[in-house]
Amino acid sequence: MVSAEQVRVKFTKTGSLQFISHLDLMRTVVRLMLRAEIPVAMTEGFNPHPKISFVLPLSVGTQSECEYLDFKITNDIGFSSIIGRMNAQSVPGLTFLHASTPVHKCGEVAFAVYDIVSDEEYDAGALFSQPIVVTKHTKSGKDKETDIRPQIRAWKKEGNTLTVTLAASSADYLNPEYLVTAIGLVNYDIIRKKVLLADGETEFE
């Protein structure tokens, strides 16, 4: 059962929801939790709202089967009840999979695994055998030529699916869109499949 402690919920963001921003997702989840009567801890002040945080915010245009939401509850209602209530108020593409007590700290996230699906032809072996230089937009507003190859831990191509493990820590994060741009794909889907720790194998929980 759940006590008044931190709760971590794993959920999906798929289909047309890939096109909503992180801010819109936050607003949607907040409204959903209030309708579901989740006893979530609230902020203080004149305009209290649920205290929630997302472990690894998703870029617009990317789907995911492994998003994580952290919050605290004030009453013991049970993990299964949390999932049941949230799914009852949810929308297509936003499916809450399970709730649990957090095992790892958010700062332990190091990599994320993505499937890049496209029917377009390209030579993955040639691509990953050399530097992959892209133009990155810095916070200062200036463009910078950057080799993203060191941020790609692993890759595998089977049929029309390229599976890649990319850097995803707070200090070293690679948006998969940069890789898509380097390949030159026009029609594609990006799906986040896993979030991993520093060993590149252990899944975040």
N, C-alpha and C. Protein backbone atom coordinates (compact mmCIF):
# COMPACT_ATOMS: atom_id res chain seq x y z
N MET A 1 0.84 -1.20 0.00
CA MET A 1 0.00 0.00 0.00
C MET A 1 0.88 1.26 0.00
N VAL A 2 0.27 2.39 -0.40
CA VAL A 2 1.00 3.63 -0.48
C VAL A 2 0.84 4.44 0.79
N SER A 3 1.90 4.99 1.29
CA SER A 3 1.83 5.91 2.42
C SER A 3 2.03 7.31 1.88
N ALA A 4 2.06 8.29 2.76
CA ALA A 4 2.22 9.68 2.33
C ALA A 4 3.67 9.92 1.95
N GLU A 5 4.10 9.25 0.94
CA GLU A 5 5.47 9.36 0.48
C GLU A 5 5.48 9.53 -1.03
N GLN A 6 6.68 9.60 -1.55
CA GLN A 6 6.83 9.80 -2.99
C GLN A 6 6.28 8.62 -3.78
N VAL A 7 5.60 8.93 -4.86
CA VAL A 7 5.07 7.93 -5.77
C VAL A 7 5.61 8.19 -7.16
N ARG A 8 5.96 7.14 -7.86
CA ARG A 8 6.43 7.27 -9.25
C ARG A 8 5.48 6.49 -10.15
N VAL A 9 4.91 7.17 -11.14
CA VAL A 9 4.00 6.55 -12.08
C VAL A 9 4.65 6.49 -13.46
N LYS A 10 4.60 5.32 -14.06
CA LYS A 10 5.10 5.14 -15.43
C LYS A 10 3.92 5.23 -16.39
N PHE A 11 4.10 5.98 -17.48
CA PHE A 11 2.98 6.14 -18.41
C PHE A 11 3.47 6.28 -19.84
N THR A 12 2.53 6.19 -20.78
CA THR A 12 2.87 6.35 -22.19
C THR A 12 2.37 7.69 -22.70
N LYS A 13 3.02 8.18 -23.74
CA LYS A 13 2.57 9.38 -24.45
C LYS A 13 2.74 9.06 -25.94
N THR A 14 1.66 8.62 -26.56
CA THR A 14 1.76 8.13 -27.93
C THR A 14 0.69 8.77 -28.83
N GLY A 15 0.77 8.42 -30.12
CA GLY A 15 -0.21 8.93 -31.07
C GLY A 15 -0.12 10.44 -31.23
N SER A 16 -1.26 11.09 -31.34
CA SER A 16 -1.29 12.54 -31.57
C SER A 16 -0.76 13.33 -30.39
N LEU A 17 -0.66 12.71 -29.21
CA LEU A 17 -0.13 13.42 -28.04
C LEU A 17 1.34 13.77 -28.19
N GLN A 18 2.02 13.14 -29.15
CA GLN A 18 3.43 13.48 -29.38
C GLN A 18 3.60 14.94 -29.78
N PHE A 19 2.53 15.56 -30.25
CA PHE A 19 2.64 16.92 -30.76
C PHE A 19 2.28 17.99 -29.74
N ILE A 20 1.90 17.60 -28.52
CA ILE A 20 1.64 18.61 -27.50
C ILE A 20 2.93 18.89 -26.74
N SER A 21 3.07 20.11 -26.27
CA SER A 21 4.29 20.52 -25.58
C SER A 21 4.34 19.95 -24.17
N HIS A 22 5.50 20.04 -23.56
CA HIS A 22 5.65 19.56 -22.18
C HIS A 22 4.76 20.36 -21.24
N LEU A 23 4.65 21.66 -21.48
CA LEU A 23 3.80 22.50 -20.63
C LEU A 23 2.34 22.08 -20.74
N ASP A 24 1.90 21.79 -21.96
CA ASP A 24 0.52 21.33 -22.14
C ASP A 24 0.30 19.98 -21.49
N LEU A 25 1.31 19.11 -21.55
CA LEU A 25 1.20 17.81 -20.89
C LEU A 25 1.06 17.99 -19.38
N MET A 26 1.84 18.89 -18.80
CA MET A 26 1.76 19.14 -17.37
C MET A 26 0.36 19.61 -16.98
N ARG A 27 -0.18 20.54 -17.77
CA ARG A 27 -1.53 21.05 -17.48
C ARG A 27 -2.56 19.93 -17.58
N THR A 28 -2.41 19.09 -18.60
CA THR A 28 -3.34 17.98 -18.79
C THR A 28 -3.31 17.03 -17.61
N VAL A 29 -2.10 16.67 -17.17
CA VAL A 29 -1.96 15.73 -16.06
C VAL A 29 -2.49 16.32 -14.76
N VAL A 30 -2.24 17.60 -14.53
CA VAL A 30 -2.75 18.25 -13.32
C VAL A 30 -4.28 18.20 -13.28
N ARG A 31 -4.92 18.58 -14.39
CA ARG A 31 -6.39 18.54 -14.44
C ARG A 31 -6.90 17.11 -14.25
N LEU A 32 -6.20 16.17 -14.88
CA LEU A 32 -6.59 14.76 -14.79
C LEU A 32 -6.52 14.27 -13.35
N MET A 33 -5.46 14.61 -12.64
CA MET A 33 -5.29 14.15 -11.26
C MET A 33 -6.35 14.75 -10.34
N LEU A 34 -6.71 16.01 -10.60
CA LEU A 34 -7.75 16.65 -9.79
C LEU A 34 -9.11 15.99 -10.03
N ARG A 35 -9.42 15.69 -11.30
CA ARG A 35 -10.68 15.01 -11.62
C ARG A 35 -10.70 13.60 -11.03
N ALA A 36 -9.55 12.95 -11.02
CA ALA A 36 -9.45 11.58 -10.49
C ALA A 36 -9.42 11.53 -8.97
N GLU A 37 -9.40 12.71 -8.35
CA GLU A 37 -9.38 12.82 -6.88
C GLU A 37 -8.20 12.06 -6.28
N ILE A 38 -7.04 12.22 -6.92
CA ILE A 38 -5.81 11.67 -6.34
C ILE A 38 -5.41 12.57 -5.18
N PRO A 39 -5.16 12.04 -3.99
CA PRO A 39 -4.80 12.87 -2.84
C PRO A 39 -3.35 13.33 -2.91
N VAL A 40 -3.04 14.09 -3.94
CA VAL A 40 -1.67 14.53 -4.18
C VAL A 40 -1.35 15.75 -3.32
N ALA A 41 -0.12 15.82 -2.84
CA ALA A 41 0.32 16.96 -2.05
C ALA A 41 0.29 18.21 -2.91
N MET A 42 -0.14 19.33 -2.32
CA MET A 42 -0.30 20.58 -3.05
C MET A 42 0.75 21.61 -2.62
N THR A 43 0.99 22.56 -3.49
CA THR A 43 1.86 23.67 -3.13
C THR A 43 1.12 24.58 -2.16
N GLU A 44 1.86 25.44 -1.49
CA GLU A 44 1.25 26.38 -0.56
C GLU A 44 1.03 27.73 -1.25
N GLY A 45 0.29 28.61 -0.60
CA GLY A 45 0.08 29.94 -1.17
C GLY A 45 -1.37 30.17 -1.58
N PHE A 46 -1.61 31.27 -2.31
CA PHE A 46 -2.95 31.66 -2.69
C PHE A 46 -3.52 30.82 -3.83
N ASN A 47 -2.65 30.20 -4.63
CA ASN A 47 -3.12 29.41 -5.77
C ASN A 47 -2.47 28.03 -5.74
N PRO A 48 -2.86 27.19 -4.79
CA PRO A 48 -2.23 25.88 -4.66
C PRO A 48 -2.51 24.98 -5.86
N HIS A 49 -1.52 24.20 -6.25
CA HIS A 49 -1.68 23.24 -7.33
C HIS A 49 -0.85 21.99 -7.01
N PRO A 50 -1.17 20.87 -7.64
CA PRO A 50 -0.44 19.62 -7.33
C PRO A 50 1.06 19.75 -7.54
N LYS A 51 1.81 19.22 -6.60
CA LYS A 51 3.27 19.22 -6.70
C LYS A 51 3.70 17.97 -7.47
N ILE A 52 3.94 18.12 -8.75
CA ILE A 52 4.34 17.00 -9.58
C ILE A 52 5.60 17.35 -10.36
N SER A 53 6.34 16.34 -10.76
CA SER A 53 7.52 16.57 -11.60
C SER A 53 7.68 15.41 -12.56
N PHE A 54 8.22 15.71 -13.74
CA PHE A 54 8.47 14.70 -14.76
C PHE A 54 9.95 14.39 -14.79
N VAL A 55 10.28 13.11 -14.82
CA VAL A 55 11.67 12.68 -14.70
C VAL A 55 12.51 13.09 -15.90
N LEU A 56 12.02 12.87 -17.12
CA LEU A 56 12.80 13.18 -18.31
C LEU A 56 11.85 13.73 -19.38
N PRO A 57 11.59 15.04 -19.34
CA PRO A 57 10.63 15.65 -20.27
C PRO A 57 10.91 15.26 -21.72
N LEU A 58 9.84 15.03 -22.46
CA LEU A 58 9.91 14.53 -23.83
C LEU A 58 9.83 15.68 -24.82
N SER A 59 10.63 15.61 -25.89
CA SER A 59 10.59 16.63 -26.93
C SER A 59 9.32 16.48 -27.76
N VAL A 60 8.80 17.59 -28.26
CA VAL A 60 7.63 17.56 -29.13
C VAL A 60 7.96 16.74 -30.38
N GLY A 61 7.03 15.89 -30.79
CA GLY A 61 7.24 15.06 -31.96
C GLY A 61 7.79 13.68 -31.67
N THR A 62 8.06 13.42 -30.39
CA THR A 62 8.57 12.10 -29.98
C THR A 62 7.53 11.40 -29.13
N GLN A 63 7.27 10.14 -29.44
CA GLN A 63 6.36 9.33 -28.64
C GLN A 63 7.17 8.59 -27.57
N SER A 64 6.47 8.05 -26.60
CA SER A 64 7.19 7.34 -25.54
C SER A 64 6.33 6.26 -24.91
N GLU A 65 6.99 5.15 -24.58
CA GLU A 65 6.35 4.06 -23.84
C GLU A 65 6.87 4.00 -22.42
N CYS A 66 7.65 5.00 -22.01
CA CYS A 66 8.27 4.94 -20.68
C CYS A 66 8.50 6.33 -20.10
N GLU A 67 7.42 7.07 -19.90
CA GLU A 67 7.52 8.36 -19.21
C GLU A 67 7.30 8.14 -17.72
N TYR A 68 7.85 9.07 -16.91
CA TYR A 68 7.77 8.91 -15.46
C TYR A 68 7.32 10.21 -14.81
N LEU A 69 6.38 10.07 -13.88
CA LEU A 69 5.81 11.20 -13.16
C LEU A 69 5.98 10.97 -11.67
N ASP A 70 6.54 11.95 -10.96
CA ASP A 70 6.75 11.84 -9.51
C ASP A 70 5.83 12.80 -8.77
N PHE A 71 5.27 12.33 -7.67
CA PHE A 71 4.47 13.19 -6.79
C PHE A 71 4.33 12.53 -5.43
N LYS A 72 3.80 13.27 -4.46
CA LYS A 72 3.53 12.71 -3.14
C LYS A 72 2.02 12.69 -2.90
N ILE A 73 1.57 11.66 -2.20
CA ILE A 73 0.16 11.60 -1.83
C ILE A 73 0.02 11.81 -0.33
N THR A 74 -1.15 12.26 0.06
CA THR A 74 -1.38 12.56 1.48
C THR A 74 -2.23 11.50 2.17
N ASN A 75 -2.86 10.61 1.39
CA ASN A 75 -3.66 9.53 1.96
C ASN A 75 -3.26 8.20 1.32
N ASP A 76 -3.42 7.14 2.09
CA ASP A 76 -3.07 5.80 1.63
C ASP A 76 -4.22 5.23 0.79
N ILE A 77 -4.09 5.26 -0.54
CA ILE A 77 -5.17 4.74 -1.40
C ILE A 77 -4.73 3.53 -2.23
N GLY A 78 -3.44 3.21 -2.21
CA GLY A 78 -2.95 2.04 -2.93
C GLY A 78 -2.52 2.35 -4.35
N PHE A 79 -1.49 1.68 -4.78
CA PHE A 79 -0.94 1.92 -6.13
C PHE A 79 -1.96 1.61 -7.22
N SER A 80 -2.66 0.48 -7.08
CA SER A 80 -3.60 0.09 -8.13
C SER A 80 -4.74 1.09 -8.25
N SER A 81 -5.15 1.68 -7.13
CA SER A 81 -6.20 2.68 -7.14
C SER A 81 -5.75 3.95 -7.87
N ILE A 82 -4.51 4.33 -7.66
CA ILE A 82 -3.96 5.50 -8.34
C ILE A 82 -4.02 5.30 -9.85
N ILE A 83 -3.56 4.15 -10.32
CA ILE A 83 -3.55 3.87 -11.76
C ILE A 83 -4.98 3.79 -12.30
N GLY A 84 -5.85 3.11 -11.59
CA GLY A 84 -7.23 2.98 -12.04
C GLY A 84 -7.93 4.31 -12.16
N ARG A 85 -7.76 5.17 -11.16
CA ARG A 85 -8.41 6.48 -11.17
C ARG A 85 -7.86 7.36 -12.29
N MET A 86 -6.56 7.34 -12.48
CA MET A 86 -5.96 8.20 -13.50
C MET A 86 -6.34 7.74 -14.91
N ASN A 87 -6.34 6.45 -15.14
CA ASN A 87 -6.73 5.94 -16.47
C ASN A 87 -8.20 6.22 -16.77
N ALA A 88 -9.03 6.22 -15.73
CA ALA A 88 -10.46 6.48 -15.93
C ALA A 88 -10.71 7.92 -16.40
N GLN A 89 -9.79 8.82 -16.11
CA GLN A 89 -9.95 10.23 -16.49
C GLN A 89 -9.04 10.62 -17.66
N SER A 90 -8.30 9.65 -18.20
CA SER A 90 -7.28 9.97 -19.20
C SER A 90 -7.85 10.06 -20.61
N VAL A 91 -6.96 10.31 -21.57
CA VAL A 91 -7.31 10.46 -22.98
C VAL A 91 -6.50 9.45 -23.79
N PRO A 92 -6.91 9.15 -25.03
CA PRO A 92 -6.16 8.20 -25.86
C PRO A 92 -4.70 8.63 -26.02
N GLY A 93 -3.79 7.66 -25.86
CA GLY A 93 -2.37 7.93 -25.99
C GLY A 93 -1.68 8.20 -24.68
N LEU A 94 -2.47 8.56 -23.65
CA LEU A 94 -1.92 8.82 -22.32
C LEU A 94 -2.41 7.70 -21.41
N THR A 95 -1.59 6.65 -21.28
CA THR A 95 -1.97 5.47 -20.52
C THR A 95 -1.02 5.30 -19.34
N PHE A 96 -1.58 5.19 -18.15
CA PHE A 96 -0.79 5.04 -16.94
C PHE A 96 -0.60 3.54 -16.67
N LEU A 97 0.66 3.11 -16.65
CA LEU A 97 0.99 1.69 -16.62
C LEU A 97 1.07 1.11 -15.21
N HIS A 98 1.84 1.74 -14.36
CA HIS A 98 1.92 1.26 -12.97
C HIS A 98 2.51 2.33 -12.07
N ALA A 99 2.22 2.21 -10.79
CA ALA A 99 2.74 3.13 -9.77
C ALA A 99 3.60 2.34 -8.80
N SER A 100 4.61 2.99 -8.25
CA SER A 100 5.49 2.31 -7.32
C SER A 100 6.25 3.34 -6.50
N THR A 101 6.94 2.85 -5.48
CA THR A 101 7.85 3.71 -4.72
C THR A 101 9.13 3.88 -5.54
N PRO A 102 9.62 5.10 -5.74
CA PRO A 102 10.82 5.30 -6.55
C PRO A 102 12.01 4.50 -6.02
N VAL A 103 12.73 3.89 -6.95
CA VAL A 103 13.93 3.14 -6.61
C VAL A 103 15.17 4.00 -6.85
N HIS A 104 15.18 4.70 -7.96
CA HIS A 104 16.34 5.51 -8.34
C HIS A 104 16.04 7.00 -8.27
N LYS A 105 17.08 7.79 -8.08
CA LYS A 105 16.94 9.25 -8.11
C LYS A 105 16.95 9.72 -9.56
N CYS A 106 16.27 10.83 -9.82
CA CYS A 106 16.20 11.36 -11.18
C CYS A 106 17.59 11.63 -11.76
N GLY A 107 18.51 12.04 -10.90
CA GLY A 107 19.86 12.35 -11.35
C GLY A 107 20.66 11.15 -11.81
N GLU A 108 20.12 9.93 -11.58
CA GLU A 108 20.81 8.72 -12.01
C GLU A 108 20.54 8.37 -13.47
N VAL A 109 19.59 9.05 -14.09
CA VAL A 109 19.30 8.80 -15.51
C VAL A 109 20.52 9.19 -16.35
N ALA A 110 20.94 8.28 -17.22
CA ALA A 110 22.12 8.55 -18.05
C ALA A 110 21.86 8.36 -19.54
N PHE A 111 20.97 7.43 -19.90
CA PHE A 111 20.71 7.13 -21.31
C PHE A 111 19.23 6.88 -21.55
N ALA A 112 18.83 7.03 -22.80
CA ALA A 112 17.48 6.67 -23.22
C ALA A 112 17.58 5.90 -24.53
N VAL A 113 16.73 4.90 -24.67
CA VAL A 113 16.69 4.07 -25.87
C VAL A 113 15.50 4.48 -26.73
N TYR A 114 15.76 4.71 -28.02
CA TYR A 114 14.72 5.13 -28.94
C TYR A 114 14.66 4.20 -30.15
N ASP A 115 13.46 4.01 -30.66
CA ASP A 115 13.27 3.40 -31.98
C ASP A 115 12.96 4.52 -32.96
N ILE A 116 13.72 4.57 -34.04
CA ILE A 116 13.46 5.51 -35.12
C ILE A 116 12.97 4.67 -36.29
N VAL A 117 11.70 4.82 -36.63
CA VAL A 117 11.06 3.97 -37.63
C VAL A 117 10.81 4.76 -38.91
N SER A 118 11.34 4.24 -40.03
CA SER A 118 11.17 4.92 -41.31
C SER A 118 11.35 3.92 -42.45
N ASP A 119 10.57 4.10 -43.51
CA ASP A 119 10.69 3.25 -44.69
C ASP A 119 11.74 3.78 -45.67
N GLU A 120 12.34 4.90 -45.35
CA GLU A 120 13.36 5.48 -46.23
C GLU A 120 14.66 4.70 -46.11
N GLU A 121 15.40 4.61 -47.20
CA GLU A 121 16.65 3.85 -47.25
C GLU A 121 17.84 4.71 -46.82
N TYR A 122 18.74 4.12 -46.02
CA TYR A 122 19.99 4.80 -45.66
C TYR A 122 20.96 3.75 -45.14
N ASP A 123 22.25 4.09 -45.20
CA ASP A 123 23.31 3.16 -44.79
C ASP A 123 23.71 3.47 -43.36
N ALA A 124 23.13 2.75 -42.40
CA ALA A 124 23.40 3.00 -40.99
C ALA A 124 24.86 2.71 -40.64
N GLY A 125 25.42 1.65 -41.23
CA GLY A 125 26.81 1.30 -40.95
C GLY A 125 27.76 2.42 -41.30
N ALA A 126 27.56 3.03 -42.47
CA ALA A 126 28.41 4.14 -42.89
C ALA A 126 28.22 5.35 -41.99
N LEU A 127 26.98 5.59 -41.61
CA LEU A 127 26.67 6.75 -40.76
C LEU A 127 27.40 6.69 -39.43
N PHE A 128 27.35 5.54 -38.76
CA PHE A 128 27.91 5.44 -37.42
C PHE A 128 29.40 5.11 -37.39
N SER A 129 30.00 4.93 -38.54
CA SER A 129 31.43 4.63 -38.60
C SER A 129 32.29 5.89 -38.65
N GLN A 130 31.66 7.04 -38.59
CA GLN A 130 32.40 8.30 -38.72
C GLN A 130 31.74 9.36 -37.83
N PRO A 131 32.40 10.52 -37.68
CA PRO A 131 31.76 11.60 -36.91
C PRO A 131 30.42 11.98 -37.53
N ILE A 132 29.48 12.35 -36.67
CA ILE A 132 28.16 12.79 -37.13
C ILE A 132 28.00 14.24 -36.69
N VAL A 133 28.29 15.15 -37.60
CA VAL A 133 28.31 16.57 -37.27
C VAL A 133 26.97 17.21 -37.61
N VAL A 134 26.36 17.87 -36.61
CA VAL A 134 25.08 18.55 -36.80
C VAL A 134 25.21 19.98 -36.28
N THR A 135 24.26 20.81 -36.65
CA THR A 135 24.21 22.18 -36.15
C THR A 135 23.27 22.24 -34.96
N LYS A 136 23.84 22.56 -33.80
CA LYS A 136 23.04 22.67 -32.59
C LYS A 136 22.80 24.13 -32.26
N HIS A 137 21.62 24.40 -31.73
CA HIS A 137 21.27 25.75 -31.31
C HIS A 137 21.56 25.88 -29.81
N THR A 138 22.46 26.78 -29.46
CA THR A 138 22.85 26.95 -28.06
C THR A 138 21.89 27.89 -27.34
N LYS A 139 21.98 27.91 -26.01
CA LYS A 139 21.13 28.78 -25.21
C LYS A 139 21.38 30.25 -25.51
N SER A 140 22.59 30.56 -25.97
CA SER A 140 22.93 31.95 -26.28
C SER A 140 22.34 32.39 -27.62
N GLY A 141 21.73 31.43 -28.34
CA GLY A 141 21.12 31.78 -29.62
C GLY A 141 22.03 31.57 -30.81
N LYS A 142 23.26 31.12 -30.56
CA LYS A 142 24.20 30.92 -31.64
C LYS A 142 24.19 29.46 -32.10
N ASP A 143 24.42 29.24 -33.39
CA ASP A 143 24.52 27.89 -33.92
C ASP A 143 25.94 27.37 -33.72
N LYS A 144 26.06 26.07 -33.43
CA LYS A 144 27.36 25.47 -33.18
C LYS A 144 27.44 24.12 -33.85
N GLU A 145 28.49 23.89 -34.61
CA GLU A 145 28.72 22.60 -35.24
C GLU A 145 29.23 21.61 -34.19
N THR A 146 28.53 20.51 -34.03
CA THR A 146 28.84 19.55 -32.97
C THR A 146 28.84 18.12 -33.50
N ASP A 147 29.83 17.34 -33.08
CA ASP A 147 29.87 15.92 -33.41
C ASP A 147 29.08 15.17 -32.34
N ILE A 148 27.93 14.60 -32.71
CA ILE A 148 27.08 13.92 -31.74
C ILE A 148 27.41 12.43 -31.60
N ARG A 149 28.38 11.95 -32.39
CA ARG A 149 28.71 10.51 -32.34
C ARG A 149 29.08 10.05 -30.93
N PRO A 150 29.85 10.84 -30.12
CA PRO A 150 30.18 10.39 -28.76
C PRO A 150 28.97 10.27 -27.84
N GLN A 151 27.85 10.88 -28.21
CA GLN A 151 26.64 10.82 -27.38
C GLN A 151 25.75 9.62 -27.74
N ILE A 152 26.20 8.82 -28.70
CA ILE A 152 25.45 7.64 -29.12
C ILE A 152 26.17 6.41 -28.58
N ARG A 153 25.58 5.79 -27.57
CA ARG A 153 26.24 4.65 -26.91
C ARG A 153 26.16 3.39 -27.75
N ALA A 154 25.01 3.15 -28.37
CA ALA A 154 24.82 1.91 -29.13
C ALA A 154 23.77 2.13 -30.22
N TRP A 155 23.84 1.29 -31.27
CA TRP A 155 22.84 1.35 -32.33
C TRP A 155 22.65 -0.03 -32.94
N LYS A 156 21.48 -0.26 -33.49
CA LYS A 156 21.17 -1.51 -34.19
C LYS A 156 20.04 -1.24 -35.17
N LYS A 157 20.21 -1.70 -36.40
CA LYS A 157 19.17 -1.49 -37.40
C LYS A 157 18.62 -2.84 -37.85
N GLU A 158 17.32 -3.00 -37.72
CA GLU A 158 16.64 -4.20 -38.18
C GLU A 158 15.43 -3.77 -39.01
N GLY A 159 15.45 -4.09 -40.30
CA GLY A 159 14.36 -3.69 -41.17
C GLY A 159 14.24 -2.18 -41.25
N ASN A 160 13.07 -1.65 -40.97
CA ASN A 160 12.87 -0.20 -41.04
C ASN A 160 13.01 0.48 -39.68
N THR A 161 13.55 -0.25 -38.69
CA THR A 161 13.69 0.30 -37.35
C THR A 161 15.15 0.42 -36.93
N LEU A 162 15.55 1.63 -36.59
CA LEU A 162 16.88 1.90 -36.04
C LEU A 162 16.72 2.11 -34.54
N THR A 163 17.34 1.25 -33.73
CA THR A 163 17.29 1.38 -32.27
C THR A 163 18.60 1.98 -31.79
N VAL A 164 18.52 3.10 -31.07
CA VAL A 164 19.72 3.80 -30.61
C VAL A 164 19.64 4.09 -29.12
N THR A 165 20.79 4.04 -28.47
CA THR A 165 20.90 4.42 -27.07
C THR A 165 21.65 5.74 -27.01
N LEU A 166 20.97 6.79 -26.55
CA LEU A 166 21.53 8.14 -26.59
C LEU A 166 21.73 8.70 -25.18
N ALA A 167 22.70 9.60 -25.06
CA ALA A 167 22.94 10.27 -23.78
C ALA A 167 21.68 11.01 -23.36
N ALA A 168 21.32 10.89 -22.06
CA ALA A 168 20.08 11.51 -21.60
C ALA A 168 20.19 12.05 -20.18
N SER A 169 21.41 12.35 -19.74
CA SER A 169 21.57 12.91 -18.39
C SER A 169 21.31 14.42 -18.44
N SER A 170 21.20 15.03 -17.28
CA SER A 170 20.96 16.47 -17.22
C SER A 170 22.13 17.25 -17.79
N ALA A 171 23.34 16.68 -17.70
CA ALA A 171 24.53 17.37 -18.19
C ALA A 171 24.88 17.01 -19.63
N ASP A 172 24.32 15.92 -20.13
CA ASP A 172 24.68 15.43 -21.47
C ASP A 172 23.47 14.77 -22.09
N TYR A 173 22.69 15.57 -22.83
CA TYR A 173 21.43 15.06 -23.41
C TYR A 173 21.44 15.26 -24.91
N LEU A 174 21.08 14.21 -25.64
CA LEU A 174 21.00 14.30 -27.10
C LEU A 174 19.56 14.09 -27.54
N ASN A 175 18.99 15.13 -28.15
CA ASN A 175 17.65 15.02 -28.73
C ASN A 175 17.73 14.13 -29.97
N PRO A 176 16.93 13.07 -30.06
CA PRO A 176 17.00 12.16 -31.21
C PRO A 176 16.71 12.85 -32.54
N GLU A 177 16.08 14.01 -32.51
CA GLU A 177 15.81 14.75 -33.75
C GLU A 177 17.10 15.14 -34.47
N TYR A 178 18.17 15.35 -33.70
CA TYR A 178 19.45 15.68 -34.33
C TYR A 178 19.95 14.52 -35.17
N LEU A 179 19.75 13.31 -34.67
CA LEU A 179 20.18 12.12 -35.41
C LEU A 179 19.32 11.95 -36.66
N VAL A 180 18.04 12.17 -36.54
CA VAL A 180 17.13 12.08 -37.68
C VAL A 180 17.54 13.07 -38.77
N THR A 181 17.91 14.27 -38.34
CA THR A 181 18.36 15.29 -39.29
C THR A 181 19.64 14.87 -39.99
N ALA A 182 20.56 14.27 -39.22
CA ALA A 182 21.83 13.82 -39.80
C ALA A 182 21.60 12.72 -40.83
N ILE A 183 20.65 11.84 -40.56
CA ILE A 183 20.33 10.77 -41.51
C ILE A 183 19.67 11.34 -42.75
N GLY A 184 18.86 12.40 -42.54
CA GLY A 184 18.15 13.01 -43.65
C GLY A 184 16.75 12.47 -43.86
N LEU A 185 16.16 11.93 -42.79
CA LEU A 185 14.82 11.36 -42.90
C LEU A 185 13.75 12.45 -42.99
N VAL A 186 12.71 12.16 -43.75
CA VAL A 186 11.58 13.07 -43.89
C VAL A 186 10.33 12.50 -43.22
N ASN A 187 10.07 11.23 -43.48
CA ASN A 187 8.92 10.55 -42.89
C ASN A 187 9.40 9.52 -41.88
N TYR A 188 9.07 9.72 -40.62
CA TYR A 188 9.61 8.86 -39.57
C TYR A 188 8.77 8.99 -38.30
N ASP A 189 8.95 8.04 -37.40
CA ASP A 189 8.40 8.08 -36.04
C ASP A 189 9.54 7.83 -35.08
N ILE A 190 9.53 8.55 -33.97
CA ILE A 190 10.50 8.34 -32.90
C ILE A 190 9.74 7.90 -31.66
N ILE A 191 10.15 6.77 -31.08
CA ILE A 191 9.50 6.26 -29.88
C ILE A 191 10.55 5.97 -28.81
N ARG A 192 10.41 6.62 -27.67
CA ARG A 192 11.30 6.29 -26.55
C ARG A 192 10.84 4.98 -25.94
N LYS A 193 11.78 4.04 -25.81
CA LYS A 193 11.46 2.69 -25.34
C LYS A 193 11.89 2.41 -23.91
N LYS A 194 13.05 2.97 -23.51
CA LYS A 194 13.58 2.70 -22.18
C LYS A 194 14.36 3.92 -21.68
N VAL A 195 14.46 4.02 -20.37
CA VAL A 195 15.33 4.99 -19.71
C VAL A 195 16.30 4.18 -18.86
N LEU A 196 17.62 4.45 -19.02
CA LEU A 196 18.64 3.61 -18.40
C LEU A 196 19.57 4.39 -17.46
N LEU A 197 20.22 3.63 -16.58
CA LEU A 197 21.21 4.20 -15.68
C LEU A 197 22.58 4.24 -16.36
N ALA A 198 23.60 4.62 -15.60
CA ALA A 198 24.93 4.86 -16.17
C ALA A 198 25.58 3.64 -16.79
N ASP A 199 25.18 2.42 -16.39
CA ASP A 199 25.78 1.24 -16.98
C ASP A 199 25.22 0.95 -18.37
N GLY A 200 24.21 1.69 -18.77
CA GLY A 200 23.64 1.52 -20.10
C GLY A 200 22.78 0.27 -20.23
N GLU A 201 22.47 -0.39 -19.13
CA GLU A 201 21.68 -1.63 -19.16
C GLU A 201 20.53 -1.63 -18.15
N THR A 202 20.79 -1.13 -16.94
CA THR A 202 19.78 -1.15 -15.89
C THR A 202 18.70 -0.12 -16.16
N GLU A 203 17.43 -0.58 -16.14
CA GLU A 203 16.33 0.33 -16.39
C GLU A 203 16.01 1.18 -15.15
N PHE A 204 15.70 2.42 -15.42
CA PHE A 204 15.30 3.37 -14.38
C PHE A 204 13.96 2.93 -13.80
N GLU A 205 13.86 3.00 -12.46
CA GLU A 205 12.59 2.65 -11.79
C GLU A 205 12.29 3.68 -10.72
